[in-house]
Amino acid sequence: MIRTFVTRPGTGDPKGSPEAVLPDCPAVTKVVAGPGAAARLARELPRIAKGRWFVVSSKPVFDRHGDALAGAGLVDPPVLVPDGEKAKTWKALGELLDTLVSRGLRRDCGLVALGGGTVGDVAGLAAALALRGVPIVQMPTTLLAASDSALGGKTAVDLPAGKNLAGVLHHPALVLVDTNFLATLPDRDVRSGLAEIVKTSFLDVGFHRRMGGLLAGLGARDPGALAEGAWRSLRVKAGVVARDPEERSGARFVLNLGHTAGHALETASGHRLRHGEAVAWGLLTILELSRERGLPEREARLMTQRVMELVNPPKLSPRTLATWPAFLGADKKADAAGLRVVTLEAAGRPRVERATPQEIARAFERALRAYNLG
């Protein structure tokens, strides 16, 4: 089944009208998801931009999924970026922009990002910068991107000081999630994506309750359960993003649940930790801090159990354990008053609070001891 909705700024809720997309409004995104959704690309692209469409991907991803784009009238060959986090550097971004411009990119053209979160991030930033902005379509090929990063307009490259520190908001005109792509993912990538699904379920009480019925299917990697988990995550995120599309009111800050410690751990590991694995550690940390600040014990145990059951984050190297707190100071969510973190009063009731690096580190140590993962 192909599902469709449109996010609209200011509404706080994604609307289900499949054709009411306004491609000239950068904060409106159409989301199409389901098995075989890639076949919709040829129909959707001319509604967004009349010029040529360039594919941005990595070689492993395009070798695996490029055939799904046949018939969409895309520029051939694709523009390839390095695989993984190596794509998110100034060098890779500059080379991508040079290639696009040299191959005739114009203002009436657009980009299709085929890949996981790293491809989506660097392609989105290139789309924002090239010719002062061209449309982008996100076609996620990982569960993490399909359930989270493809929607919301965040684009970035990394800096030596930390992850995602240089970027802009550039909302995709279309997010096209072909859930058939998820069938080829290695187990580690699935677990990484499940971390974002679990995180999002903590932000919405309805999704949190539904997760009880999805656990067995998600654990067994059932395609229907994975597709539903990704879809529900996008719906929840869309509702948050619609209230704060340009990150001005602070409403979408809650989407950073688990990401303060998570990004620090990911950077300290030299990106050997997958993003979702790092977020899982961040969730365990913030659940400890939330428990200290009033999250009921029974609810904290249930949430922690779901993180462990579905993600089971890997043990951390001695170097990561020793160095990760130093990266908390570079967190892009910090302000003049210090670090802001998202804690939980209960499922569906996140709150933004202050926490010192020492408090976060102590909560992390408690999580380490509780689950013998040090």
Protein backbone atom coordinates (compact mmCIF):
# COMPACT_ATOMS: atom_id res chain seq x y z
CA MET A 1 0.00 0.00 0.00
CA ILE A 2 1.31 3.47 -0.95
CA ARG A 3 0.63 6.10 1.72
CA THR A 4 0.82 9.85 1.10
CA PHE A 5 0.66 13.00 3.19
CA VAL A 6 1.73 16.63 2.95
CA THR A 7 3.32 18.68 5.72
CA ARG A 8 2.09 22.24 6.01
CA PRO A 9 3.80 24.93 8.09
CA GLY A 10 1.83 26.23 11.03
CA THR A 11 -0.73 23.45 11.13
CA GLY A 12 0.95 21.14 13.62
CA ASP A 13 -0.45 18.17 11.74
CA PRO A 14 0.38 16.53 8.42
CA LYS A 15 -2.55 16.57 6.05
CA GLY A 16 -3.52 13.62 3.91
CA SER A 17 -4.41 15.29 0.62
CA PRO A 18 -2.13 13.56 -1.90
CA GLU A 19 -2.08 16.25 -4.54
CA ALA A 20 -2.08 19.49 -2.51
CA VAL A 21 1.69 20.02 -2.68
CA LEU A 22 3.01 23.55 -3.13
CA PRO A 23 6.55 23.09 -4.47
CA ASP A 24 7.32 26.82 -4.38
CA CYS A 25 6.95 26.87 -0.59
CA PRO A 26 10.16 25.47 0.92
CA ALA A 27 8.47 24.33 4.12
CA VAL A 28 5.88 22.15 2.39
CA THR A 29 6.93 18.57 1.80
CA LYS A 30 5.01 15.76 0.18
CA VAL A 31 5.72 12.30 1.59
CA VAL A 32 5.00 9.16 -0.41
CA ALA A 33 5.85 5.79 1.14
CA GLY A 34 5.28 2.12 0.48
CA PRO A 35 6.56 -0.85 -1.49
CA GLY A 36 7.39 0.15 -5.05
CA ALA A 37 7.04 3.89 -4.33
CA ALA A 38 10.09 4.59 -6.53
CA ALA A 39 7.84 4.05 -9.55
CA ARG A 40 6.07 7.32 -8.64
CA LEU A 41 9.22 9.37 -9.29
CA ALA A 42 8.57 9.98 -13.00
CA ARG A 43 5.11 11.35 -12.17
CA GLU A 44 6.20 13.54 -9.29
CA LEU A 45 9.32 15.27 -10.64
CA PRO A 46 7.72 17.45 -13.38
CA ARG A 47 5.38 18.95 -10.77
CA ILE A 48 8.38 20.22 -8.83
CA ALA A 49 10.79 21.44 -11.51
CA LYS A 50 10.60 21.33 -15.31
CA GLY A 51 14.35 21.13 -15.97
CA ARG A 52 16.76 18.24 -15.66
CA TRP A 53 17.10 16.15 -12.52
CA PHE A 54 20.49 15.00 -11.25
CA VAL A 55 20.92 11.96 -9.02
CA VAL A 56 23.32 12.25 -6.08
CA SER A 57 24.28 8.92 -4.55
CA SER A 58 27.23 6.79 -3.46
CA LYS A 59 28.60 3.96 -5.57
CA PRO A 60 27.49 1.09 -3.29
CA VAL A 61 23.98 2.51 -3.00
CA PHE A 62 23.56 3.28 -6.68
CA ASP A 63 24.87 -0.15 -7.68
CA ARG A 64 22.21 -1.69 -5.42
CA HIS A 65 19.21 0.55 -6.09
CA GLY A 66 19.91 2.61 -9.22
CA ASP A 67 17.77 0.40 -11.43
CA ALA A 68 14.70 1.52 -9.45
CA LEU A 69 15.10 4.97 -11.01
CA ALA A 70 14.92 3.74 -14.60
CA GLY A 71 12.28 5.51 -16.63
CA ALA A 72 12.24 8.67 -14.49
CA GLY A 73 14.18 10.69 -17.08
CA LEU A 74 17.11 11.46 -14.80
CA VAL A 75 20.49 12.75 -15.94
CA ASP A 76 22.92 9.89 -16.49
CA PRO A 77 25.40 9.08 -15.01
CA PRO A 78 24.69 9.90 -11.36
CA VAL A 79 26.91 12.24 -9.37
CA LEU A 80 28.63 10.04 -6.80
CA VAL A 81 29.89 11.12 -3.38
CA PRO A 82 32.04 9.10 -0.96
CA ASP A 83 30.29 6.41 1.01
CA GLY A 84 29.41 7.02 4.66
CA GLU A 85 30.47 9.98 6.77
CA LYS A 86 33.31 10.80 4.35
CA ALA A 87 30.65 12.43 2.16
CA LYS A 88 30.05 15.08 4.82
CA THR A 89 33.22 17.14 4.38
CA TRP A 90 33.93 20.52 2.79
CA LYS A 91 36.04 18.75 0.17
CA ALA A 92 33.27 16.34 -0.84
CA LEU A 93 30.69 19.14 -0.84
CA GLY A 94 32.89 21.37 -3.02
CA GLU A 95 33.52 18.57 -5.50
CA LEU A 96 29.80 17.83 -5.65
CA LEU A 97 28.94 21.47 -6.38
CA ASP A 98 31.68 21.75 -9.01
CA THR A 99 30.41 18.64 -10.78
CA LEU A 100 26.79 19.76 -10.76
CA VAL A 101 27.57 23.20 -12.16
CA SER A 102 29.99 21.85 -14.78
CA ARG A 103 27.32 19.41 -15.95
CA GLY A 104 24.80 22.18 -16.57
CA LEU A 105 22.75 22.58 -13.40
CA ARG A 106 20.28 25.47 -13.77
CA ARG A 107 17.69 27.07 -11.51
CA ASP A 108 14.92 25.03 -13.16
CA CYS A 109 16.75 21.77 -12.33
CA GLY A 110 16.66 19.64 -9.21
CA LEU A 111 18.52 16.97 -7.27
CA VAL A 112 17.42 13.48 -6.22
CA ALA A 113 19.32 12.21 -3.17
CA LEU A 114 19.40 8.42 -3.32
CA GLY A 115 20.99 7.04 -0.18
CA GLY A 116 21.11 7.11 3.58
CA GLY A 117 21.47 10.04 5.91
CA THR A 118 24.95 11.08 4.82
CA VAL A 119 23.99 11.28 1.15
CA GLY A 120 20.81 13.13 2.10
CA ASP A 121 22.71 15.62 4.24
CA VAL A 122 25.39 16.57 1.72
CA ALA A 123 23.03 16.51 -1.27
CA GLY A 124 20.54 18.67 0.62
CA LEU A 125 23.24 21.19 1.47
CA ALA A 126 24.43 21.22 -2.14
CA ALA A 127 20.84 21.85 -3.28
CA ALA A 128 20.57 24.76 -0.86
CA LEU A 129 23.84 26.34 -2.00
CA ALA A 130 23.91 25.68 -5.75
CA LEU A 131 22.66 28.73 -7.64
CA ARG A 132 21.27 29.93 -4.25
CA GLY A 133 18.89 27.01 -4.12
CA VAL A 134 17.36 24.29 -6.27
CA PRO A 135 14.70 21.72 -5.26
CA ILE A 136 15.67 18.41 -3.74
CA VAL A 137 13.88 15.08 -3.54
CA GLN A 138 14.96 12.70 -0.80
CA MET A 139 14.85 8.97 -1.58
CA PRO A 140 16.13 7.26 1.57
CA THR A 141 17.60 3.77 1.28
CA THR A 142 18.23 3.13 4.99
CA LEU A 143 15.72 2.67 7.77
CA LEU A 144 17.26 5.53 9.73
CA ALA A 145 16.83 7.99 6.86
CA ALA A 146 13.40 6.60 5.93
CA SER A 147 12.10 7.08 9.46
CA ASP A 148 13.81 10.35 10.36
CA SER A 149 16.51 12.29 8.55
CA ALA A 150 14.93 12.46 5.07
CA LEU A 151 12.17 14.72 6.43
CA GLY A 152 12.65 18.09 8.09
CA GLY A 153 15.09 19.97 5.87
CA LYS A 154 18.23 19.64 7.98
CA THR A 155 21.38 19.55 5.86
CA ALA A 156 24.98 19.65 7.03
CA VAL A 157 28.59 18.64 6.80
CA ASP A 158 30.79 17.80 9.77
CA LEU A 159 33.65 19.80 11.25
CA PRO A 160 36.61 18.51 13.28
CA ALA A 161 34.89 19.89 16.40
CA GLY A 162 31.75 17.83 15.92
CA LYS A 163 28.96 16.45 13.79
CA ASN A 164 26.59 18.54 11.63
CA LEU A 165 28.11 21.87 12.65
CA ALA A 166 27.92 23.55 9.21
CA GLY A 167 24.61 23.49 7.40
CA VAL A 168 21.29 25.13 6.57
CA LEU A 169 17.61 24.21 6.49
CA HIS A 170 16.46 23.28 3.00
CA HIS A 171 13.19 21.36 2.98
CA PRO A 172 12.75 18.65 0.37
CA ALA A 173 9.86 19.10 -2.01
CA LEU A 174 9.29 15.36 -1.88
CA VAL A 175 10.30 12.45 0.36
CA LEU A 176 9.84 9.20 -1.54
CA VAL A 177 10.25 6.13 0.65
CA ASP A 178 10.31 2.85 -1.26
CA THR A 179 10.13 0.33 1.56
CA ASN A 180 11.43 -2.40 -0.78
CA PHE A 181 14.86 -0.80 -0.31
CA LEU A 182 14.81 -1.79 3.36
CA ALA A 183 14.85 -5.51 2.53
CA THR A 184 18.54 -5.38 1.55
CA LEU A 185 19.83 -3.73 4.74
CA PRO A 186 22.37 -5.45 6.98
CA ASP A 187 21.15 -6.13 10.50
CA ARG A 188 23.39 -3.43 11.99
CA ASP A 189 21.81 -0.80 9.74
CA VAL A 190 18.33 -1.98 10.69
CA ARG A 191 19.15 -1.69 14.39
CA SER A 192 20.52 1.79 13.81
CA GLY A 193 17.25 2.83 12.16
CA LEU A 194 15.20 1.23 14.93
CA ALA A 195 16.87 3.60 17.40
CA GLU A 196 15.24 6.58 15.68
CA ILE A 197 11.89 4.78 15.52
CA VAL A 198 12.07 4.04 19.25
CA LYS A 199 13.06 7.64 19.95
CA THR A 200 10.13 9.01 17.99
CA SER A 201 7.71 6.64 19.72
CA PHE A 202 8.74 8.16 23.07
CA LEU A 203 7.53 11.55 21.79
CA ASP A 204 3.98 10.47 20.91
CA VAL A 205 1.72 8.56 23.27
CA GLY A 206 -0.27 6.91 20.47
CA PHE A 207 2.86 5.66 18.74
CA HIS A 208 4.28 4.55 22.10
CA ARG A 209 1.21 2.40 22.73
CA ARG A 210 1.26 0.99 19.21
CA MET A 211 4.91 -0.02 19.64
CA GLY A 212 3.80 -2.77 21.98
CA GLY A 213 2.11 -4.47 19.03
CA LEU A 214 5.02 -3.83 16.67
CA LEU A 215 7.87 -5.13 18.84
CA ALA A 216 7.75 -8.75 17.67
CA GLY A 217 7.57 -7.75 14.00
CA LEU A 218 10.34 -5.19 14.32
CA GLY A 219 12.52 -7.66 16.14
CA ALA A 220 11.91 -10.26 13.42
CA ARG A 221 12.63 -7.66 10.69
CA ASP A 222 9.13 -8.16 9.27
CA PRO A 223 8.82 -5.87 6.20
CA GLY A 224 5.32 -4.75 7.16
CA ALA A 225 6.37 -3.86 10.70
CA LEU A 226 9.45 -1.96 9.49
CA ALA A 227 7.36 -0.04 6.97
CA GLU A 228 4.76 0.86 9.60
CA GLY A 229 7.42 1.89 12.09
CA ALA A 230 9.07 4.18 9.53
CA TRP A 231 5.71 5.61 8.41
CA ARG A 232 4.53 6.35 11.94
CA SER A 233 7.87 7.98 12.74
CA LEU A 234 7.57 10.27 9.73
CA ARG A 235 4.00 11.21 10.67
CA VAL A 236 5.01 12.17 14.19
CA LYS A 237 8.05 14.09 12.97
CA ALA A 238 5.97 15.85 10.31
CA GLY A 239 3.57 17.11 12.95
CA VAL A 240 6.45 18.58 14.94
CA VAL A 241 8.20 20.09 11.91
CA ALA A 242 4.95 21.66 10.68
CA ARG A 243 4.77 23.70 13.91
CA ASP A 244 8.34 24.95 13.52
CA PRO A 245 9.58 24.43 9.94
CA GLU A 246 12.47 26.90 10.19
CA GLU A 247 13.55 26.07 13.77
CA ARG A 248 12.54 29.47 15.12
CA SER A 249 9.99 28.74 17.83
CA GLY A 250 11.91 25.88 19.43
CA ALA A 251 9.01 23.44 18.98
CA ARG A 252 11.07 20.96 16.99
CA PHE A 253 13.85 20.87 19.57
CA VAL A 254 12.16 17.82 21.09
CA LEU A 255 13.28 15.80 18.06
CA ASN A 256 16.78 15.96 19.57
CA LEU A 257 15.82 13.45 22.27
CA GLY A 258 18.91 11.31 22.90
CA HIS A 259 21.08 13.31 20.50
CA THR A 260 23.16 15.38 22.94
CA ALA A 261 25.13 12.46 24.34
CA GLY A 262 24.59 10.57 21.09
CA HIS A 263 26.38 13.09 18.86
CA ALA A 264 29.25 13.41 21.34
CA LEU A 265 29.71 9.63 21.41
CA GLU A 266 29.47 9.38 17.64
CA THR A 267 32.15 12.04 17.16
CA ALA A 268 34.41 10.57 19.85
CA SER A 269 34.22 7.18 18.15
CA GLY A 270 35.54 8.66 14.91
CA HIS A 271 32.13 7.77 13.45
CA ARG A 272 32.79 4.07 13.96
CA LEU A 273 29.52 4.10 15.86
CA ARG A 274 26.53 4.28 13.54
CA HIS A 275 24.30 7.28 14.18
CA GLY A 276 21.46 5.14 15.50
CA GLU A 277 23.81 3.20 17.78
CA ALA A 278 25.03 6.48 19.25
CA VAL A 279 21.45 7.73 19.62
CA ALA A 280 20.55 4.51 21.45
CA TRP A 281 23.32 5.27 23.96
CA GLY A 282 21.97 8.82 24.15
CA LEU A 283 18.48 7.50 24.88
CA LEU A 284 19.75 5.25 27.68
CA THR A 285 21.57 8.27 29.10
CA ILE A 286 18.59 10.60 28.94
CA LEU A 287 16.28 7.97 30.42
CA GLU A 288 18.59 7.81 33.43
CA LEU A 289 18.52 11.61 33.70
CA SER A 290 14.73 11.67 33.22
CA ARG A 291 14.28 9.03 35.93
CA GLU A 292 16.29 11.26 38.27
CA ARG A 293 14.03 14.19 37.38
CA GLY A 294 10.68 12.47 37.79
CA LEU A 295 10.02 9.99 34.98
CA PRO A 296 8.06 7.18 36.70
CA GLU A 297 10.23 4.13 37.32
CA ARG A 298 7.87 1.71 35.59
CA GLU A 299 7.76 3.82 32.43
CA ALA A 300 11.53 4.33 32.47
CA ARG A 301 12.07 0.56 32.69
CA LEU A 302 9.69 -0.10 29.78
CA MET A 303 11.38 2.51 27.58
CA THR A 304 14.83 1.25 28.45
CA GLN A 305 13.76 -2.31 27.69
CA ARG A 306 12.64 -1.26 24.22
CA VAL A 307 15.97 0.39 23.47
CA MET A 308 17.86 -2.69 24.60
CA GLU A 309 15.54 -5.16 22.89
CA LEU A 310 15.41 -3.48 19.49
CA VAL A 311 18.81 -1.78 19.25
CA ASN A 312 21.09 -3.38 21.87
CA PRO A 313 23.83 -0.79 21.34
CA PRO A 314 27.39 -2.09 21.05
CA LYS A 315 30.06 -1.77 23.70
CA LEU A 316 32.19 1.35 23.41
CA SER A 317 35.93 1.46 22.92
CA PRO A 318 38.16 2.69 25.78
CA ARG A 319 39.09 5.72 23.68
CA THR A 320 35.45 6.65 23.12
CA LEU A 321 34.65 6.21 26.81
CA ALA A 322 37.57 8.43 27.77
CA THR A 323 37.04 11.26 25.29
CA TRP A 324 33.32 11.63 24.57
CA PRO A 325 32.47 14.18 27.34
CA ALA A 326 34.85 16.68 25.74
CA PHE A 327 32.60 16.85 22.69
CA LEU A 328 29.54 17.91 24.68
CA GLY A 329 30.79 21.48 24.65
CA ALA A 330 30.61 21.59 20.85
CA ASP A 331 26.95 20.55 20.78
CA LYS A 332 25.11 22.82 18.37
CA LYS A 333 22.08 22.86 20.68
CA ALA A 334 24.04 24.71 23.36
CA ASP A 335 23.51 28.43 23.93
CA ALA A 336 25.05 31.12 26.12
CA ALA A 337 23.47 29.56 29.21
CA GLY A 338 24.89 26.11 28.49
CA LEU A 339 23.51 22.78 27.34
CA ARG A 340 19.84 22.14 26.65
CA VAL A 341 18.61 18.57 26.65
CA VAL A 342 15.29 16.86 26.02
CA THR A 343 14.04 14.80 28.95
CA LEU A 344 10.77 12.91 29.42
CA GLU A 345 8.06 13.41 32.01
CA ALA A 346 6.21 10.48 30.43
CA ALA A 347 5.64 9.03 26.98
CA GLY A 348 4.45 11.85 24.73
CA ARG A 349 5.51 14.51 27.25
CA PRO A 350 9.02 15.69 26.41
CA ARG A 351 10.46 18.77 28.02
CA VAL A 352 13.49 20.93 27.28
CA GLU A 353 15.71 21.44 30.31
CA ARG A 354 19.17 22.54 31.31
CA ALA A 355 21.80 19.98 32.18
CA THR A 356 25.50 20.32 32.83
CA PRO A 357 28.03 18.11 31.04
CA GLN A 358 28.74 16.56 34.44
CA GLU A 359 25.08 15.60 34.92
CA ILE A 360 24.95 14.04 31.47
CA ALA A 361 28.18 12.14 32.06
CA ARG A 362 26.92 10.81 35.41
CA ALA A 363 23.66 9.64 33.79
CA PHE A 364 25.72 7.89 31.12
CA GLU A 365 27.83 6.15 33.77
CA ARG A 366 24.68 4.91 35.47
CA ALA A 367 23.48 3.47 32.16
CA LEU A 368 26.84 1.78 31.66
CA ARG A 369 26.69 0.14 35.07
CA ALA A 370 23.02 -0.83 34.78
CA TYR A 371 23.50 -2.74 31.53
CA ASN A 372 27.09 -3.90 31.96
CA LEU A 373 28.08 -2.35 28.66
CA GLY A 374 31.26 -0.61 29.72
